[in-house]
Protein backbone atom coordinates (compact mmCIF):
# COMPACT_ATOMS: atom_id res chain seq x y z
CA MET A 1 10.33 208.97 2.46
CA GLU A 2 12.10 212.26 4.07
CA LEU A 3 15.15 213.41 3.69
CA THR A 4 17.66 214.13 5.34
CA ILE A 5 20.94 215.84 4.56
CA GLU A 6 24.36 217.24 5.45
CA LYS A 7 26.73 217.94 3.92
CA ALA A 8 30.88 218.57 3.67
CA LYS A 9 33.69 219.86 2.26
CA PHE A 10 36.28 217.87 -0.19
CA HIS A 11 39.63 220.38 -0.49
CA GLN A 12 40.47 222.91 -2.87
CA ILE A 13 42.59 221.29 -5.09
CA SER A 14 43.93 222.19 -8.61
CA LEU A 15 43.16 220.31 -11.92
CA LYS A 16 47.11 220.38 -12.44
CA GLN A 17 48.17 218.73 -9.13
CA VAL A 18 45.18 216.38 -9.64
CA SER A 19 46.60 215.45 -13.03
CA GLU A 20 50.14 214.75 -12.01
CA ALA A 21 49.01 212.36 -8.93
CA LEU A 22 46.99 210.45 -11.51
CA LYS A 23 49.93 210.28 -13.66
CA LYS A 24 52.32 208.58 -11.30
CA GLY A 25 49.91 206.65 -9.16
CA LEU A 26 48.14 205.17 -12.90
CA SER A 27 51.44 204.97 -14.51
CA LYS A 28 52.60 201.90 -11.89
CA ASN A 29 48.94 199.56 -12.99
CA TYR A 30 49.42 200.71 -16.68
CA ILE A 31 51.00 200.37 -19.26
CA GLU A 32 50.86 203.15 -21.54
CA VAL A 33 49.61 206.54 -19.67
CA ASP A 34 48.50 209.65 -20.26
CA VAL A 35 47.03 212.82 -17.98
CA SER A 36 46.07 215.97 -19.33
CA ILE A 37 44.41 218.98 -18.59
CA VAL A 38 41.81 219.74 -21.74
CA GLU A 39 38.99 221.83 -22.71
CA CYS A 40 36.23 219.15 -21.86
CA PRO A 41 34.80 217.82 -25.79
CA ASP A 42 31.17 218.31 -26.44
CA LEU A 43 29.92 214.87 -24.61
CA ARG A 44 26.66 215.61 -26.71
CA LYS A 45 29.08 213.76 -29.06
CA TRP A 46 29.07 211.06 -26.73
CA ASP A 47 25.01 210.43 -26.24
CA CYS A 48 25.36 212.72 -23.82
CA PRO A 49 22.95 215.14 -22.13
CA ALA A 50 25.28 217.71 -21.98
CA GLU A 51 28.19 219.37 -22.44
CA GLY A 52 30.05 219.24 -20.23
CA ILE A 53 30.68 218.67 -16.50
CA SER A 54 32.13 221.60 -15.40
CA GLY A 55 29.81 224.64 -12.58
CA ASN A 56 28.84 224.06 -9.70
CA GLN A 57 29.99 220.54 -9.45
CA ARG A 58 29.58 218.36 -6.13
CA ILE A 59 28.11 214.54 -5.43
CA ILE A 60 25.71 213.05 -3.22
CA ASP A 61 26.08 209.29 -1.84
CA VAL A 62 22.09 208.20 -0.60
CA GLY A 63 21.21 205.48 1.43
CA GLY A 64 23.39 202.52 1.86
CA GLU A 65 23.27 198.36 2.15
CA PRO A 66 20.30 198.19 4.85
CA TYR A 67 17.83 200.35 2.60
CA MET A 68 18.53 197.50 -0.43
CA HIS A 69 18.59 194.20 1.37
CA ASP A 70 17.55 194.91 4.65
CA LYS A 71 13.65 192.85 4.26
CA ARG A 72 12.91 195.92 6.65
CA PHE A 73 13.40 198.51 4.39
CA ILE A 74 13.39 197.48 0.85
CA GLY A 75 12.13 199.07 -1.42
CA THR A 76 12.79 202.48 -0.41
CA GLU A 77 13.12 205.57 -3.33
CA PHE A 78 14.98 208.41 -3.45
CA ASP A 79 13.87 211.22 -6.06
CA TYR A 80 17.02 212.68 -6.83
CA GLU A 81 15.37 215.56 -9.22
CA GLU A 82 14.33 216.83 -5.42
CA ILE A 83 17.93 216.17 -4.03
CA ALA A 84 19.16 218.18 -7.13
CA THR A 85 16.75 221.09 -5.41
CA ARG A 86 17.21 220.46 -1.87
CA ILE A 87 21.72 221.09 -2.14
CA GLY A 88 21.03 224.16 -4.72
CA SER A 89 21.60 221.68 -7.60
CA GLU A 90 18.04 222.07 -8.90
CA LYS A 91 19.95 223.24 -12.41
CA SER A 92 22.29 220.97 -13.82
CA TYR A 93 23.43 217.77 -15.51
CA ALA A 94 23.52 214.51 -13.20
CA LEU A 95 25.71 210.84 -13.84
CA GLY A 96 25.91 208.04 -11.86
CA ALA A 97 25.58 205.31 -9.91
CA GLY A 98 22.33 204.03 -8.88
CA SER A 99 19.57 201.12 -8.06
CA GLY A 100 16.06 201.79 -10.19
CA ALA A 101 13.56 202.72 -8.41
CA MET A 102 11.30 199.35 -7.56
CA SER A 103 7.86 202.01 -8.10
CA CYS A 104 8.91 202.92 -12.27
CA LEU A 105 10.22 199.06 -13.12
CA GLU A 106 7.29 196.35 -11.44
CA GLY A 107 8.48 195.38 -8.95
CA HIS A 108 11.66 194.07 -10.52
CA CYS A 109 15.61 195.00 -9.61
CA GLY A 110 17.83 196.45 -12.27
CA GLU A 111 21.48 198.64 -11.87
CA LEU A 112 20.25 202.15 -13.00
CA ILE A 113 22.57 204.30 -15.11
CA ILE A 114 21.45 208.08 -14.15
CA ASN A 115 22.98 210.48 -17.61
CA GLU A 116 19.92 213.43 -17.14
CA ASN A 117 19.87 216.65 -18.50
CA LEU A 118 17.32 218.42 -14.72
CA ILE A 119 18.83 221.77 -16.87
CA THR A 120 16.38 220.77 -20.44
CA ASN A 121 14.46 217.74 -19.57
CA GLU A 122 16.34 215.32 -21.18
CA SER A 123 17.05 211.97 -20.02
CA LYS A 124 19.41 209.38 -21.36
CA SER A 125 19.57 206.88 -18.27
CA ILE A 126 19.36 203.41 -18.70
CA ILE A 127 18.13 200.26 -16.21
CA ALA A 128 19.75 197.26 -16.41
CA GLN A 129 17.96 194.02 -16.08
CA ILE A 130 17.97 190.94 -16.03
CA ASP A 131 15.45 188.40 -18.36
CA GLU A 132 14.31 185.59 -17.91
CA ASN A 133 17.46 183.70 -19.84
CA LYS A 134 19.31 185.00 -17.08
CA LYS A 135 20.70 187.63 -19.37
CA CYS A 136 21.09 191.27 -19.31
CA LYS A 137 19.12 193.11 -21.35
CA SER A 138 19.60 197.15 -20.85
CA THR A 139 16.18 199.60 -21.69
CA SER A 140 16.06 203.27 -21.20
CA TYR A 141 14.71 204.63 -18.11
CA ASN A 142 12.55 208.26 -17.59
CA HIS A 143 12.29 208.44 -13.66
CA ARG A 144 14.52 210.34 -11.39
CA LYS A 145 13.64 207.92 -8.64
CA HIS A 146 15.96 206.06 -7.38
CA GLY A 147 16.15 203.09 -4.94
CA GLY A 148 17.89 202.41 -2.06
CA LEU A 149 21.69 203.30 -3.25
CA GLY A 150 22.53 206.08 -5.62
CA ASN A 151 25.99 208.52 -6.77
CA ILE A 152 25.23 211.35 -7.85
CA TYR A 153 28.15 213.52 -10.09
CA TYR A 154 25.51 216.96 -11.07
CA SER A 155 27.64 220.08 -12.62
CA GLU A 156 25.89 222.99 -14.73
CA GLY A 157 26.36 220.93 -17.28
CA LYS A 158 29.23 223.93 -18.81
CA LYS A 159 32.42 222.92 -21.28
CA GLY A 160 35.55 223.90 -19.47
CA ASP A 161 38.32 222.40 -18.37
CA VAL A 162 38.25 219.12 -17.26
CA ILE A 163 41.01 215.62 -16.93
CA LYS A 164 41.22 213.03 -20.05
CA ILE A 165 42.87 210.55 -19.99
CA LYS A 166 44.64 207.77 -21.99
CA ILE A 167 45.44 204.13 -20.96
CA LYS A 168 46.53 201.49 -22.95
CA GLY A 169 47.70 197.51 -21.27
CA ARG A 170 47.69 196.78 -18.11
CA SER A 171 50.79 195.98 -16.05
CA GLY A 172 49.36 195.74 -12.60
CA GLU A 173 47.23 193.93 -9.96
CA GLN A 174 44.48 196.62 -9.89
CA GLY A 175 41.54 195.54 -12.27
CA SER A 176 39.33 198.59 -12.07
CA LEU A 177 40.14 201.85 -13.27
CA PRO A 178 38.59 204.63 -10.57
CA GLN A 179 39.61 201.94 -8.36
CA SER A 180 43.69 202.74 -9.60
CA MET A 181 42.64 206.38 -8.99
CA ARG A 182 41.91 206.71 -6.30
CA THR A 183 44.76 204.87 -5.06
CA ALA A 184 46.86 206.85 -6.76
CA LEU A 185 45.31 210.55 -5.30
CA ILE A 186 45.58 208.62 -1.90
CA GLU A 187 48.83 207.66 -2.01
CA ASN A 188 51.11 210.85 -3.87
CA LEU A 189 48.82 214.29 -3.00
CA GLN A 190 49.42 215.58 0.97
CA THR A 191 48.44 212.59 3.79
CA ASN A 192 44.47 212.54 4.41
CA PHE A 193 43.33 215.13 1.39
CA SER A 194 39.68 213.94 0.56
CA VAL A 195 39.15 214.82 -2.95
CA ALA A 196 35.98 213.17 -4.68
CA LEU A 197 35.80 212.70 -9.09
CA GLY A 198 33.32 212.15 -11.27
CA GLY A 199 33.50 211.76 -15.22
CA VAL A 200 32.40 209.29 -17.80
CA PHE A 201 35.10 207.04 -19.78
CA ARG A 202 34.80 204.49 -22.16
CA ILE A 203 36.22 201.14 -22.87
CA LEU A 204 37.69 201.48 -26.18
CA ASN A 205 38.82 197.98 -26.37
CA GLY A 206 38.93 194.70 -23.83
CA LYS A 207 36.79 193.06 -21.32
CA ILE A 208 35.27 193.36 -17.87
CA LYS A 209 33.29 191.54 -15.49
CA SER A 210 30.36 192.87 -14.76
CA HIS A 211 26.53 192.19 -12.04
CA VAL A 212 23.01 193.44 -12.01
CA GLN A 213 20.77 192.97 -8.91
CA PRO A 214 18.21 189.71 -9.80
CA ASP A 215 14.53 190.55 -8.23
CA TYR A 216 15.01 188.92 -4.64
CA ALA A 217 12.27 187.00 -5.01
CA ASP A 218 15.06 185.00 -7.15
CA ILE A 219 18.05 185.00 -4.56
CA LYS A 220 16.35 181.61 -2.47
CA HIS A 221 19.35 182.39 0.04
CA GLU A 222 20.02 184.77 3.42
CA TYR A 223 22.82 186.82 1.92
CA TYR A 224 22.69 189.53 4.14
CA ASP A 225 23.61 190.45 7.61
CA PRO A 226 21.55 193.53 9.41
CA LYS A 227 23.95 193.50 11.92
CA GLN A 228 26.68 193.80 10.31
CA MET A 229 25.11 195.95 7.52
CA LYS A 230 25.71 194.56 4.98
CA CYS A 231 26.16 191.55 2.53
CA VAL A 232 28.14 188.78 3.31
CA LYS A 233 27.23 186.21 0.41
CA ASP A 234 26.62 185.91 -3.78
CA PHE A 235 23.80 186.85 -4.99
CA LEU A 236 24.46 188.99 -7.79
CA GLN A 237 24.20 187.37 -10.77
CA PHE A 238 27.73 188.49 -12.86
CA TYR A 239 28.71 189.07 -16.37
CA GLU A 240 32.59 188.10 -16.94
CA PRO A 241 33.88 188.61 -20.00
CA ILE A 242 32.05 191.21 -21.53
CA GLY A 243 32.67 194.39 -23.23
CA PRO A 244 34.76 196.28 -25.53
CA HIS A 245 32.77 199.72 -26.77
CA PHE A 246 31.20 200.79 -22.74
CA GLN A 247 30.50 203.83 -21.73
CA CYS A 248 31.20 204.24 -17.60
CA TYR A 249 29.55 206.94 -15.49
CA SER A 250 31.92 207.23 -12.26
CA VAL A 251 31.65 209.58 -9.50
CA LEU A 252 34.47 208.55 -6.64
CA TRP A 253 36.44 209.93 -3.19
CA THR A 254 39.58 209.49 -1.65
CA ASN A 255 38.20 209.02 1.59
CA ASP A 256 35.43 210.47 4.03
CA PRO A 257 36.12 214.72 5.00
CA SER A 258 34.09 214.32 7.65
CA GLY A 259 36.74 211.46 8.94
CA GLY A 260 34.15 208.88 9.17
CA LYS A 261 31.08 210.55 10.00
CA LEU A 262 28.61 210.76 6.95
CA ASP A 263 29.35 207.27 6.67
CA LEU A 264 30.49 206.84 3.10
CA ARG A 265 29.91 204.17 1.26
CA GLU A 266 32.86 201.77 1.85
CA SER A 267 33.93 200.89 -1.83
CA GLY A 268 35.21 204.77 -2.50
CA GLU A 269 33.82 204.84 -6.13
CA HIS A 270 30.26 203.55 -7.92
CA THR A 271 31.03 203.44 -11.42
CA HIS A 272 27.93 202.05 -13.62
CA PHE A 273 27.98 201.57 -17.59
CA HIS A 274 26.26 200.66 -20.81
CA SER A 275 27.15 199.50 -24.18
CA TYR A 276 27.72 202.87 -27.27
CA LYS A 277 27.34 200.01 -29.91
CA GLY A 278 23.93 198.88 -29.62
CA THR A 279 24.09 195.56 -27.27
CA GLN A 280 22.56 194.88 -24.45
CA ASP A 281 25.27 195.02 -21.74
CA ALA A 282 24.91 197.39 -19.06
CA GLY A 283 25.41 197.13 -15.26
CA HIS A 284 27.79 197.50 -12.57
CA TYR A 285 31.40 197.85 -13.91
CA HIS A 286 33.97 195.97 -11.29
CA PHE A 287 36.88 195.42 -13.03
CA ASP A 288 38.81 194.53 -16.39
CA VAL A 289 39.48 190.76 -17.12
CA THR A 290 41.97 191.01 -20.26
CA PRO A 291 45.53 193.11 -19.54
CA ASN A 292 46.64 193.25 -22.63
CA GLU A 293 44.25 194.24 -24.43
CA ILE A 294 42.13 196.89 -22.00
CA GLU A 295 41.96 200.92 -23.14
CA TYR A 296 40.33 203.54 -21.55
CA GLU A 297 39.39 207.66 -22.40
CA CYS A 298 38.61 209.17 -20.23
CA TYR A 299 37.09 212.74 -18.80
CA PHE A 300 36.89 214.06 -15.55
CA ASN A 301 36.28 216.48 -12.81
CA THR A 302 36.50 217.81 -9.62
CA ALA A 303 33.85 218.00 -6.54
CA GLU A 304 33.62 220.51 -4.09
CA GLU A 305 31.23 219.00 -1.89
CA VAL A 306 29.36 215.74 -0.65
CA HIS A 307 26.27 215.96 0.52
CA ARG A 308 24.99 213.03 2.40
CA VAL A 309 21.67 211.89 1.96
CA ASN A 310 19.83 209.50 4.00
CA ASN A 311 22.59 207.69 6.09
CA ILE A 312 20.68 204.66 7.48
CA TYR A 313 23.90 203.76 9.36
CA LYS A 314 23.46 206.45 11.91
CA GLU A 315 20.33 206.01 12.58
CA LEU A 316 21.06 202.36 12.77
CA LYS A 317 23.45 202.72 15.20
CA ASN A 318 20.97 205.32 17.17
CA THR A 319 18.15 202.75 17.59
CA LYS A 320 20.40 200.39 18.52
CA LYS A 321 21.89 202.46 22.05
CA LYS A 322 18.59 203.66 22.46
CA LEU A 323 18.11 200.17 23.12
């Protein structure tokens, strides 16, 4: 796959400003909220392959739904180590969420939890798949390819100041922590500020809803509209309730700093998880389903810029114009 990469910079903003906005906004949705700036704890104790999430921080948004679900493009893959080299992050700790590369999975699908040190070549990445009984299964993933979409936060893996968030209990309607964080930033920072965060958080208590993508052969109905370039019907395998004791890898941003030209992921966030207590649960995090019980511990840092890799939406729009 030939790479096309565009770049935009986020607003440079202090961790203090971000933490204050998060504290104010999250307190509207959760019962107990503590937000502070701390030196990042050694994330190797959380089974990450790097100490921290600081140094040369940037995010990528790769591909999109057409690469995953338009029959013309299914099977598209990207090498996120090659992308890292192209954007100046070849020596980095990569964390985030993407689809599994089918060529690495004997033609099957899966949800990829990216947790990879490109400096030391240490991989802690995991793939979540569906077994023959429609239950989730998870295994280690020692490849540097992902499928048609992905969102990754790159840093030098160094220790440094980060935002720590501790949450207990939810009082509001928004069950997704990353979406709650996005709302807090949008509502409490200067109008039209573009800010991005990447990090790791744990679900210490409570249960969530998740999904894993089935193999295409197991989806018996049409669910994708090529004209809208999006999925219009459910086709995923959902799991609910599951938890606790999950570790999540999350990338989120408030808006597109290019004013929409980059066609960033519509949800503004992407979060995948695995169990840290040895269960098979893993996949794409949606939201909590036990508001009274939910409890999080989080470590996030800001990103300086976004690199948009192979904007399939732009390509398809340009193709339509030429016809």
